[in-house]
C-alpha atoms as a PDB file:
ATOM      1  CA  MET A   1      79.140 182.114 119.723  1.00  0.00           C
ATOM      2  CA  ARG A   2      80.364 185.922 121.430  1.00  0.00           C
ATOM      3  CA  TRP A   3      78.005 188.256 123.527  1.00  0.00           C
ATOM      4  CA  PRO A   4      78.195 191.358 120.319  1.00  0.00           C
ATOM      5  CA  ALA A   5      76.821 188.217 117.716  1.00  0.00           C
ATOM      6  CA  ILE A   6      73.553 186.813 120.324  1.00  0.00           C
ATOM      7  CA  TYR A   7      72.653 190.298 121.333  1.00  0.00           C
ATOM      8  CA  ARG A   8      72.721 191.083 117.134  1.00  0.00           C
ATOM      9  CA  LEU A   9      70.776 188.158 116.772  1.00  0.00           C
ATOM     10  CA  TRP A  10      68.393 188.678 120.043  1.00  0.00           C
ATOM     11  CA  PRO A  11      68.741 192.657 121.076  1.00  0.00           C
ATOM     12  CA  GLY A  12      65.472 192.146 122.628  1.00  0.00           C
ATOM     13  CA  LEU A  13      67.099 189.946 124.999  1.00  0.00           C
ATOM     14  CA  SER A  14      68.239 190.444 128.504  1.00  0.00           C
ATOM     15  CA  SER A  15      71.970 189.498 129.765  1.00  0.00           C
ATOM     16  CA  THR A  16      70.031 186.636 132.134  1.00  0.00           C
ATOM     17  CA  GLU A  17      67.877 185.239 129.397  1.00  0.00           C
ATOM     18  CA  LEU A  18      70.916 184.828 126.936  1.00  0.00           C
ATOM     19  CA  LEU A  19      73.102 183.757 129.599  1.00  0.00           C
ATOM     20  CA  PRO A  20      72.025 179.824 128.608  1.00  0.00           C
ATOM     21  CA  PHE A  21      72.245 180.467 124.956  1.00  0.00           C
ATOM     22  CA  ALA A  22      76.114 181.906 124.900  1.00  0.00           C
ATOM     23  CA  CYS A  23      76.629 178.856 127.707  1.00  0.00           C
ATOM     24  CA  ARG A  24      75.865 176.160 124.708  1.00  0.00           C
ATOM     25  CA  ASP A  25      77.275 178.144 122.267  1.00  0.00           C
ATOM     26  CA  HIS A  26      80.638 177.396 124.597  1.00  0.00           C
ATOM     27  CA  ARG A  27      80.371 174.247 125.361  1.00  0.00           C
ATOM     28  CA  ARG A  28      80.094 173.666 121.515  1.00  0.00           C
ATOM     29  CA  ALA A  29      83.002 175.280 120.883  1.00  0.00           C
ATOM     30  CA  ALA A  30      84.956 173.523 123.301  1.00  0.00           C
ATOM     31  CA  GLY A  31      84.065 169.827 121.889  1.00  0.00           C
ATOM     32  CA  GLY A  32      81.324 169.313 123.641  1.00  0.00           C
ATOM     33  CA  ALA A  33      78.198 167.142 123.875  1.00  0.00           C
ATOM     34  CA  ARG A  34      75.569 168.611 121.560  1.00  0.00           C
ATOM     35  CA  PRO A  35      72.755 169.597 124.409  1.00  0.00           C
ATOM     36  CA  ALA A  36      69.355 167.708 123.791  1.00  0.00           C
ATOM     37  CA  PRO A  37      66.513 170.207 121.756  1.00  0.00           C
ATOM     38  CA  ALA A  38      64.253 172.770 123.716  1.00  0.00           C
ATOM     39  CA  PRO A  39      60.452 171.146 124.781  1.00  0.00           C
ATOM     40  CA  PRO A  40      57.892 172.161 122.761  1.00  0.00           C
ATOM     41  CA  GLY A  41      56.985 175.844 123.629  1.00  0.00           C
ATOM     42  CA  ASP A  42      60.435 176.438 124.811  1.00  0.00           C
ATOM     43  CA  SER A  43      61.336 177.973 121.684  1.00  0.00           C
ATOM     44  CA  LEU A  44      62.990 181.451 121.042  1.00  0.00           C
ATOM     45  CA  ASN A  45      59.440 182.406 119.302  1.00  0.00           C
ATOM     46  CA  THR A  46      57.720 181.871 122.375  1.00  0.00           C
ATOM     47  CA  ARG A  47      59.927 183.203 125.195  1.00  0.00           C
ATOM     48  CA  THR A  48      58.679 185.701 127.012  1.00  0.00           C
ATOM     49  CA  PRO A  49      61.001 188.030 129.211  1.00  0.00           C
ATOM     50  CA  LEU A  50      61.255 187.344 132.384  1.00  0.00           C
ATOM     51  CA  GLU A  51      59.517 189.465 134.458  1.00  0.00           C
ATOM     52  CA  PRO A  52      60.134 192.205 137.211  1.00  0.00           C
ATOM     53  CA  ALA A  53      59.974 191.171 140.889  1.00  0.00           C
ATOM     54  CA  VAL A  54      56.789 192.967 142.157  1.00  0.00           C
ATOM     55  CA  PRO A  55      57.030 194.152 146.034  1.00  0.00           C
ATOM     56  CA  PRO A  56      54.293 192.395 148.117  1.00  0.00           C
ATOM     57  CA  GLU A  57      51.462 195.166 148.860  1.00  0.00           C
ATOM     58  CA  LYS A  58      51.556 196.230 152.455  1.00  0.00           C
ATOM     59  CA  ALA A  59      49.281 195.221 154.643  1.00  0.00           C
ATOM     60  CA  ALA A  60      46.260 197.332 154.610  1.00  0.00           C
ATOM     61  CA  GLY A  61      44.730 199.552 158.367  1.00  0.00           C
ATOM     62  CA  PRO A  62      46.615 200.884 160.442  1.00  0.00           C
ATOM     63  CA  SER A  63      50.233 200.525 161.728  1.00  0.00           C
ATOM     64  CA  VAL A  64      50.604 198.816 164.710  1.00  0.00           C
ATOM     65  CA  ALA A  65      52.072 202.336 166.125  1.00  0.00           C
ATOM     66  CA  ASP A  66      49.460 204.011 164.893  1.00  0.00           C
ATOM     67  CA  ALA A  67      46.483 201.719 166.821  1.00  0.00           C
ATOM     68  CA  THR A  68      48.356 201.962 169.623  1.00  0.00           C
ATOM     69  CA  ARG A  69      48.661 205.350 169.687  1.00  0.00           C
ATOM     70  CA  ALA A  70      44.706 205.956 169.087  1.00  0.00           C
ATOM     71  CA  TYR A  71      43.962 203.555 171.906  1.00  0.00           C
ATOM     72  CA  ILE A  72      45.962 205.183 174.385  1.00  0.00           C
ATOM     73  CA  ASP A  73      44.054 208.545 172.531  1.00  0.00           C
ATOM     74  CA  GLU A  74      40.701 207.377 173.143  1.00  0.00           C
ATOM     75  CA  HIS A  75      41.044 206.390 176.935  1.00  0.00           C
ATOM     76  CA  PRO A  76      42.801 209.579 179.112  1.00  0.00           C
ATOM     77  CA  SER A  77      42.869 207.646 182.333  1.00  0.00           C
ATOM     78  CA  ILE A  78      45.811 205.641 180.398  1.00  0.00           C
ATOM     79  CA  ARG A  79      47.121 208.567 179.272  1.00  0.00           C
ATOM     80  CA  SER A  80      47.598 210.350 182.364  1.00  0.00           C
ATOM     81  CA  ALA A  81      49.385 207.299 184.329  1.00  0.00           C
ATOM     82  CA  LEU A  82      52.167 206.910 181.350  1.00  0.00           C
ATOM     83  CA  ALA A  83      52.787 210.876 181.456  1.00  0.00           C
ATOM     84  CA  ASP A  84      53.248 209.866 185.186  1.00  0.00           C
ATOM     85  CA  ASP A  85      55.534 206.521 184.394  1.00  0.00           C
ATOM     86  CA  LEU A  86      53.069 204.284 186.791  1.00  0.00           C
ATOM     87  CA  LEU A  87      52.152 201.543 183.738  1.00  0.00           C
ATOM     88  CA  ASN A  88      54.009 198.345 183.020  1.00  0.00           C
ATOM     89  CA  PHE A  89      54.552 198.599 179.572  1.00  0.00           C
ATOM     90  CA  ALA A  90      54.479 194.612 179.016  1.00  0.00           C
ATOM     91  CA  LEU A  91      51.005 194.752 180.789  1.00  0.00           C
ATOM     92  CA  LEU A  92      49.851 197.504 178.648  1.00  0.00           C
ATOM     93  CA  ALA A  93      50.797 196.081 175.844  1.00  0.00           C
ATOM     94  CA  ARG A  94      48.940 192.853 176.358  1.00  0.00           C
ATOM     95  CA  LYS A  95      46.008 194.877 177.016  1.00  0.00           C
ATOM     96  CA  ILE A  96      46.298 196.435 173.515  1.00  0.00           C
ATOM     97  CA  LEU A  97      47.340 193.276 172.013  1.00  0.00           C
ATOM     98  CA  SER A  98      43.970 192.080 173.295  1.00  0.00           C
ATOM     99  CA  GLU A  99      41.817 194.372 172.590  1.00  0.00           C
ATOM    100  CA  ARG A 100      42.609 195.580 168.818  1.00  0.00           C
ATOM    101  CA  GLU A 101      43.560 191.892 167.661  1.00  0.00           C
ATOM    102  CA  LEU A 102      47.256 192.710 167.316  1.00  0.00           C
ATOM    103  CA  ARG A 103      50.387 190.577 167.296  1.00  0.00           C
ATOM    104  CA  ASN A 104      53.340 191.507 167.652  1.00  0.00           C
ATOM    105  CA  GLU A 105      53.975 192.523 171.504  1.00  0.00           C
ATOM    106  CA  GLU A 106      57.370 193.970 171.094  1.00  0.00           C
ATOM    107  CA  ALA A 107      55.863 196.211 168.749  1.00  0.00           C
ATOM    108  CA  VAL A 108      53.453 197.629 171.065  1.00  0.00           C
ATOM    109  CA  THR A 109      55.935 198.352 173.733  1.00  0.00           C
ATOM    110  CA  ILE A 110      57.892 200.165 171.661  1.00  0.00           C
ATOM    111  CA  ALA A 111      54.954 202.593 170.197  1.00  0.00           C
ATOM    112  CA  CYS A 112      53.894 202.837 174.310  1.00  0.00           C
ATOM    113  CA  ARG A 113      57.426 203.675 175.173  1.00  0.00           C
ATOM    114  CA  ARG A 114      57.013 206.539 172.470  1.00  0.00           C
ATOM    115  CA  TYR A 115      54.022 207.679 172.863  1.00  0.00           C
ATOM    116  CA  GLN A 116      55.225 208.141 176.453  1.00  0.00           C
ATOM    117  CA  ARG A 117      58.462 209.931 175.492  1.00  0.00           C
ATOM    118  CA  GLY A 118      55.766 211.899 173.159  1.00  0.00           C
ATOM    119  CA  ILE A 119      54.015 213.757 176.200  1.00  0.00           C
ATOM    120  CA  ALA A 120      57.308 214.108 178.483  1.00  0.00           C
ATOM    121  CA  HIS A 121      56.490 218.543 177.905  1.00  0.00           C
ATOM    122  CA  ALA A 122      52.691 217.773 179.737  1.00  0.00           C
ATOM    123  CA  PRO A 123      53.190 218.228 183.243  1.00  0.00           C
ATOM    124  CA  ALA A 124      54.335 221.910 182.332  1.00  0.00           C
ATOM    125  CA  GLU A 125      51.117 222.300 180.338  1.00  0.00           C
ATOM    126  CA  LEU A 126      49.238 220.846 183.120  1.00  0.00           C
ATOM    127  CA  ALA A 127      50.691 222.895 185.842  1.00  0.00           C
ATOM    128  CA  ARG A 128      49.751 225.994 183.539  1.00  0.00           C
ATOM    129  CA  VAL A 129      45.879 225.049 183.548  1.00  0.00           C
ATOM    130  CA  ARG A 130      46.033 224.276 187.153  1.00  0.00           C
ATOM    131  CA  GLU A 131      47.530 227.829 187.464  1.00  0.00           C
ATOM    132  CA  ILE A 132      44.833 229.367 185.594  1.00  0.00           C
ATOM    133  CA  VAL A 133      42.001 227.148 187.001  1.00  0.00           C
ATOM    134  CA  GLU A 134      43.265 227.898 191.098  1.00  0.00           C
ATOM    135  CA  GLY A 135      43.849 231.899 189.989  1.00  0.00           C
ATOM    136  CA  SER A 136      39.719 231.861 189.622  1.00  0.00           C
ATOM    137  CA  ARG A 137      36.772 232.642 191.083  1.00  0.00           C
ATOM    138  CA  LEU A 138      33.760 230.962 191.458  1.00  0.00           C
ATOM    139  CA  GLU A 139      29.951 232.485 189.979  1.00  0.00           C
ATOM    140  CA  VAL A 140      26.872 230.785 191.649  1.00  0.00           C
ATOM    141  CA  HIS A 141      23.217 231.016 190.562  1.00  0.00           C
ATOM    142  CA  SER A 142      20.570 228.702 191.960  1.00  0.00           C
ATOM    143  CA  ARG A 143      17.082 228.454 190.455  1.00  0.00           C
ATOM    144  CA  VAL A 144      18.086 228.934 187.244  1.00  0.00           C
ATOM    145  CA  ALA A 145      15.856 227.193 184.119  1.00  0.00           C
ATOM    146  CA  ILE A 146      16.742 226.213 181.032  1.00  0.00           C
ATOM    147  CA  VAL A 147      14.237 226.946 178.139  1.00  0.00           C
ATOM    148  CA  ARG A 148      14.811 225.548 174.767  1.00  0.00           C
ATOM    149  CA  VAL A 149      13.082 226.293 171.536  1.00  0.00           C
ATOM    150  CA  THR A 150      13.410 225.642 167.630  1.00  0.00           C
ATOM    151  CA  ASP A 151      16.166 228.649 165.875  1.00  0.00           C
ATOM    152  CA  ASP A 152      13.837 230.623 164.012  1.00  0.00           C
ATOM    153  CA  TRP A 153      14.213 233.917 163.607  1.00  0.00           C
ATOM    154  CA  GLU A 154      11.432 236.113 164.597  1.00  0.00           C
ATOM    155  CA  LEU A 155      11.019 234.095 167.880  1.00  0.00           C
ATOM    156  CA  LEU A 156      14.983 234.607 168.986  1.00  0.00           C
ATOM    157  CA  ASP A 157      13.878 238.786 167.944  1.00  0.00           C
ATOM    158  CA  ARG A 158      10.631 238.367 170.706  1.00  0.00           C
ATOM    159  CA  LEU A 159      12.910 237.232 172.732  1.00  0.00           C
ATOM    160  CA  LEU A 160      15.785 239.817 173.159  1.00  0.00           C
ATOM    161  CA  SER A 161      13.374 242.350 172.906  1.00  0.00           C
ATOM    162  CA  VAL A 162      11.277 240.859 176.074  1.00  0.00           C
ATOM    163  CA  GLY A 163      15.257 239.905 177.653  1.00  0.00           C
ATOM    164  CA  ARG A 164      16.221 243.987 177.619  1.00  0.00           C
ATOM    165  CA  ASP A 165      12.692 244.756 179.454  1.00  0.00           C
ATOM    166  CA  MET A 166      13.020 242.128 182.319  1.00  0.00           C
ATOM    167  CA  LEU A 167      16.776 242.722 182.936  1.00  0.00           C
ATOM    168  CA  PRO A 168      17.545 245.522 185.299  1.00  0.00           C
ATOM    169  CA  ALA A 169      20.187 248.061 185.359  1.00  0.00           C
ATOM    170  CA  PRO A 170      23.252 247.437 186.331  1.00  0.00           C
ATOM    171  CA  PRO A 171      25.287 246.497 189.654  1.00  0.00           C
ATOM    172  CA  ARG A 172      22.243 244.283 190.201  1.00  0.00           C
ATOM    173  CA  ARG A 173      23.046 240.882 188.544  1.00  0.00           C
ATOM    174  CA  ARG A 174      20.093 238.546 186.880  1.00  0.00           C
ATOM    175  CA  LEU A 175      21.228 235.429 184.399  1.00  0.00           C
ATOM    176  CA  PHE A 176      19.609 235.502 181.602  1.00  0.00           C
ATOM    177  CA  GLN A 177      21.379 234.017 178.763  1.00  0.00           C
ATOM    178  CA  LEU A 178      21.018 233.139 174.918  1.00  0.00           C
ATOM    179  CA  TYR A 179      23.140 230.846 173.165  1.00  0.00           C
ATOM    180  CA  GLU A 180      22.029 229.671 169.535  1.00  0.00           C
ATOM    181  CA  GLY A 181      23.114 226.267 167.754  1.00  0.00           C
ATOM    182  CA  THR A 182      22.833 225.109 164.577  1.00  0.00           C
ATOM    183  CA  GLN A 183      18.898 224.290 164.817  1.00  0.00           C
ATOM    184  CA  ALA A 184      17.618 225.674 168.646  1.00  0.00           C
ATOM    185  CA  VAL A 185      17.938 228.310 170.706  1.00  0.00           C
ATOM    186  CA  THR A 186      19.165 227.581 174.455  1.00  0.00           C
ATOM    187  CA  ILE A 187      17.326 229.802 176.956  1.00  0.00           C
ATOM    188  CA  LEU A 188      19.410 230.020 180.776  1.00  0.00           C
ATOM    189  CA  CYS A 189      17.120 232.432 183.282  1.00  0.00           C
ATOM    190  CA  GLU A 190      16.007 232.691 186.895  1.00  0.00           C
ATOM    191  CA  GLU A 191      13.011 230.589 186.983  1.00  0.00           C
ATOM    192  CA  ASP A 192      10.889 233.863 187.987  1.00  0.00           C
ATOM    193  CA  PHE A 193      11.482 234.825 184.377  1.00  0.00           C
ATOM    194  CA  LEU A 194       9.574 231.654 182.279  1.00  0.00           C
ATOM    195  CA  THR A 195       6.097 233.541 183.390  1.00  0.00           C
ATOM    196  CA  THR A 196       6.780 236.088 180.772  1.00  0.00           C
ATOM    197  CA  LEU A 197       9.128 233.762 178.315  1.00  0.00           C
ATOM    198  CA  LEU A 198       6.952 230.998 177.869  1.00  0.00           C
ATOM    199  CA  PRO A 199       3.463 232.721 177.057  1.00  0.00           C
ATOM    200  CA  ILE A 200       5.715 234.524 173.902  1.00  0.00           C
ATOM    201  CA  ILE A 201       7.010 231.130 172.844  1.00  0.00           C
ATOM    202  CA  PRO A 202       4.184 228.525 170.173  1.00  0.00           C
ATOM    203  CA  GLU A 203       3.609 225.606 171.385  1.00  0.00           C
ATOM    204  CA  GLU A 204       5.247 224.283 168.278  1.00  0.00           C
ATOM    205  CA  ASN A 205       8.309 226.323 168.788  1.00  0.00           C
ATOM    206  CA  LEU A 206       9.144 224.940 172.513  1.00  0.00           C
ATOM    207  CA  LEU A 207      11.124 221.779 172.651  1.00  0.00           C
ATOM    208  CA  GLY A 208      11.686 221.660 176.126  1.00  0.00           C
ATOM    209  CA  VAL A 209      11.853 223.484 179.869  1.00  0.00           C
ATOM    210  CA  GLU A 210      13.841 222.272 182.789  1.00  0.00           C
ATOM    211  CA  ARG A 211      13.630 224.044 186.685  1.00  0.00           C
ATOM    212  CA  GLY A 212      15.132 223.517 189.569  1.00  0.00           C
ATOM    213  CA  LEU A 213      18.633 223.981 187.885  1.00  0.00           C
ATOM    214  CA  ALA A 214      22.050 225.521 189.470  1.00  0.00           C
ATOM    215  CA  THR A 215      25.181 227.267 187.534  1.00  0.00           C
ATOM    216  CA  LEU A 216      28.687 227.509 188.322  1.00  0.00           C
ATOM    217  CA  ALA A 217      30.433 229.555 186.459  1.00  0.00           C
ATOM    218  CA  PHE A 218      34.632 229.828 186.514  1.00  0.00           C
ATOM    219  CA  ARG A 219      35.771 233.431 186.196  1.00  0.00           C
ATOM    220  CA  SER A 220      39.374 233.167 185.283  1.00  0.00           C
ATOM    221  CA  ASP A 221      42.408 235.150 184.141  1.00  0.00           C
ATOM    222  CA  PRO A 222      42.508 236.376 179.954  1.00  0.00           C
ATOM    223  CA  ALA A 223      45.099 233.981 179.318  1.00  0.00           C
ATOM    224  CA  VAL A 224      42.569 230.890 179.641  1.00  0.00           C
ATOM    225  CA  ALA A 225      41.556 231.563 175.923  1.00  0.00           C
ATOM    226  CA  GLU A 226      44.844 230.788 174.459  1.00  0.00           C
ATOM    227  CA  THR A 227      45.640 228.144 177.068  1.00  0.00           C
ATOM    228  CA  PRO A 228      45.145 224.025 175.613  1.00  0.00           C
ATOM    229  CA  GLY A 229      43.114 222.155 178.536  1.00  0.00           C
ATOM    230  CA  VAL A 230      41.054 224.391 181.213  1.00  0.00           C
ATOM    231  CA  VAL A 231      37.585 222.574 180.293  1.00  0.00           C
ATOM    232  CA  ALA A 232      38.581 219.467 179.632  1.00  0.00           C
ATOM    233  CA  TYR A 233      40.687 219.598 183.522  1.00  0.00           C
ATOM    234  CA  VAL A 234      37.233 220.644 185.054  1.00  0.00           C
ATOM    235  CA  VAL A 235      35.337 218.359 182.684  1.00  0.00           C
ATOM    236  CA  ASP A 236      37.646 215.477 183.401  1.00  0.00           C
ATOM    237  CA  ALA A 237      37.512 216.331 187.417  1.00  0.00           C
ATOM    238  CA  LEU A 238      33.644 216.326 186.728  1.00  0.00           C
ATOM    239  CA  ALA A 239      32.854 213.302 185.221  1.00  0.00           C
ATOM    240  CA  ARG A 240      35.702 211.347 187.802  1.00  0.00           C
ATOM    241  CA  ARG A 241      33.096 211.780 190.534  1.00  0.00           C
ATOM    242  CA  GLY A 242      29.891 210.879 188.082  1.00  0.00           C
ATOM    243  CA  ILE A 243      28.785 214.064 188.269  1.00  0.00           C
ATOM    244  CA  ASN A 244      26.570 215.514 185.220  1.00  0.00           C
ATOM    245  CA  CYS A 245      27.057 218.617 183.497  1.00  0.00           C
ATOM    246  CA  ARG A 246      23.266 219.238 181.719  1.00  0.00           C
ATOM    247  CA  GLU A 247      25.175 222.966 179.331  1.00  0.00           C
ATOM    248  CA  THR A 248      28.639 224.067 179.070  1.00  0.00           C
ATOM    249  CA  VAL A 249      29.607 227.015 177.373  1.00  0.00           C
ATOM    250  CA  SER A 250      32.646 229.210 177.275  1.00  0.00           C
ATOM    251  CA  VAL A 251      32.039 232.687 177.232  1.00  0.00           C
ATOM    252  CA  TYR A 252      35.585 234.674 177.161  1.00  0.00           C
ATOM    253  CA  THR A 253      37.364 234.253 180.330  1.00  0.00           C
ATOM    254  CA  ASP A 254      33.772 232.646 182.074  1.00  0.00           C
ATOM    255  CA  SER A 255      33.326 228.259 182.130  1.00  0.00           C
ATOM    256  CA  ILE A 256      29.333 228.314 183.188  1.00  0.00           C
ATOM    257  CA  PHE A 257      28.476 224.577 184.358  1.00  0.00           C
ATOM    258  CA  VAL A 258      24.406 223.864 184.481  1.00  0.00           C
ATOM    259  CA  PHE A 259      23.975 220.818 187.125  1.00  0.00           C
ATOM    260  CA  GLY A 260      20.583 219.354 188.186  1.00  0.00           C
ATOM    261  CA  ASN A 261      19.761 219.813 191.951  1.00  0.00           C
ATOM    262  CA  ALA A 262      21.261 216.422 192.605  1.00  0.00           C
ATOM    263  CA  ASP A 263      24.060 216.921 191.364  1.00  0.00           C
ATOM    264  CA  VAL A 264      25.203 220.593 192.687  1.00  0.00           C
ATOM    265  CA  ILE A 265      26.382 220.110 195.543  1.00  0.00           C
ATOM    266  CA  GLU A 266      28.725 217.705 195.308  1.00  0.00           C
ATOM    267  CA  ALA A 267      29.737 219.717 192.054  1.00  0.00           C
ATOM    268  CA  TYR A 268      30.247 222.836 193.772  1.00  0.00           C
ATOM    269  CA  GLN A 269      32.130 220.605 196.525  1.00  0.00           C
ATOM    270  CA  LEU A 270      34.429 219.459 193.994  1.00  0.00           C
ATOM    271  CA  LEU A 271      34.985 223.002 192.140  1.00  0.00           C
ATOM    272  CA  THR A 272      35.626 225.098 194.686  1.00  0.00           C
ATOM    273  CA  SER A 273      38.449 222.152 195.842  1.00  0.00           C
ATOM    274  CA  LEU A 274      40.205 223.354 192.271  1.00  0.00           C
ATOM    275  CA  LEU A 275      40.608 226.427 193.035  1.00  0.00           C
ATOM    276  CA  GLY A 276      43.887 227.818 195.029  1.00  0.00           C
ATOM    277  CA  GLY A 277      43.758 227.394 198.547  1.00  0.00           C
ATOM    278  CA  GLY A 278      40.698 225.107 198.373  1.00  0.00           C
ATOM    279  CA  GLY A 279      38.457 228.018 197.462  1.00  0.00           C
ATOM    280  CA  GLY A 280      36.647 230.350 200.537  1.00  0.00           C
ATOM    281  CA  PRO A 281      34.654 232.654 200.765  1.00  0.00           C
ATOM    282  CA  ASP A 282      36.864 235.267 199.292  1.00  0.00           C
ATOM    283  CA  ARG A 283      37.257 232.664 195.943  1.00  0.00           C
ATOM    284  CA  VAL A 284      32.990 232.972 195.449  1.00  0.00           C
ATOM    285  CA  ASP A 285      31.108 235.109 194.227  1.00  0.00           C
ATOM    286  CA  PRO A 286      27.577 235.432 197.108  1.00  0.00           C
ATOM    287  CA  LEU A 287      24.803 234.820 194.820  1.00  0.00           C
ATOM    288  CA  PRO A 288      22.806 237.206 193.329  1.00  0.00           C
ATOM    289  CA  HIS A 289      19.895 238.494 195.761  1.00  0.00           C
ATOM    290  CA  GLU A 290      17.192 237.382 193.521  1.00  0.00           C
ATOM    291  CA  SER A 291      18.609 233.876 193.500  1.00  0.00           C
ATOM    292  CA  ARG A 292      19.938 233.863 197.615  1.00  0.00           C
ATOM    293  CA  GLY A 293      16.032 234.451 198.237  1.00  0.00           C
ATOM    294  CA  GLN A 294      14.617 231.839 196.917  1.00  0.00           C
ATOM    295  CA  GLN A 295      17.250 228.993 197.735  1.00  0.00           C
ATOM    296  CA  SER A 296      15.116 225.600 198.736  1.00  0.00           C
END
């Protein structure tokens, strides 16, 4: 029987399924032995077409490359060492394997090398960050307090009104700043203002008061707003020294950091060292007159 005849008999079968029948028909025409009958259940009426091969499903979870990049991103010190080409890739790959339960060391090593090539431009960005920090000025305020209250519009209006009455006209500088969050308002002021502020704050609105603090504020070039990594550079230097920052906020060109008495001296020494030329009196603004006379 020829192929067209077979197709006319069973048009729904594929060529792969028709091949055994074509061979059997060819043997009959050549006088060969009659093939054995098909086993029960293997009749043409019960045959099912061949199923197409189904590709195996991809393994769930991130790939080796994604897991490697995430690990390095979570460890800034490793990222810095990669940027400076100070790491052994094989040792780093084994560390990632053990901590992330991966298996393919070669794939992790390749991912580490690709990550390093991706941050090859980092030295230029870091140089720009250092240029901005070194060109900044440092302003210091001592005997500072923080008052935290719940976010209440009527209370906020009263605080602003009292602040306007307490603040003198320029050029005398006094510290009175309000920062509104999603659930609370933080008041950063000199300790002298507490005797006026606290009586107007209802007890149910008062969240906490901290005294004996100091603020160190970087005043940078306006380019700081368009340069990524400036605040991170300063904060990273503080964290490496184990210095705790109570509050931090950026306002245009100012990056303000609040420290407790236990950390303020070391923080001052560190931040002045980040200024160009190691700091110096010309790069550090003097304390306000009111604060200077009240230093302990």
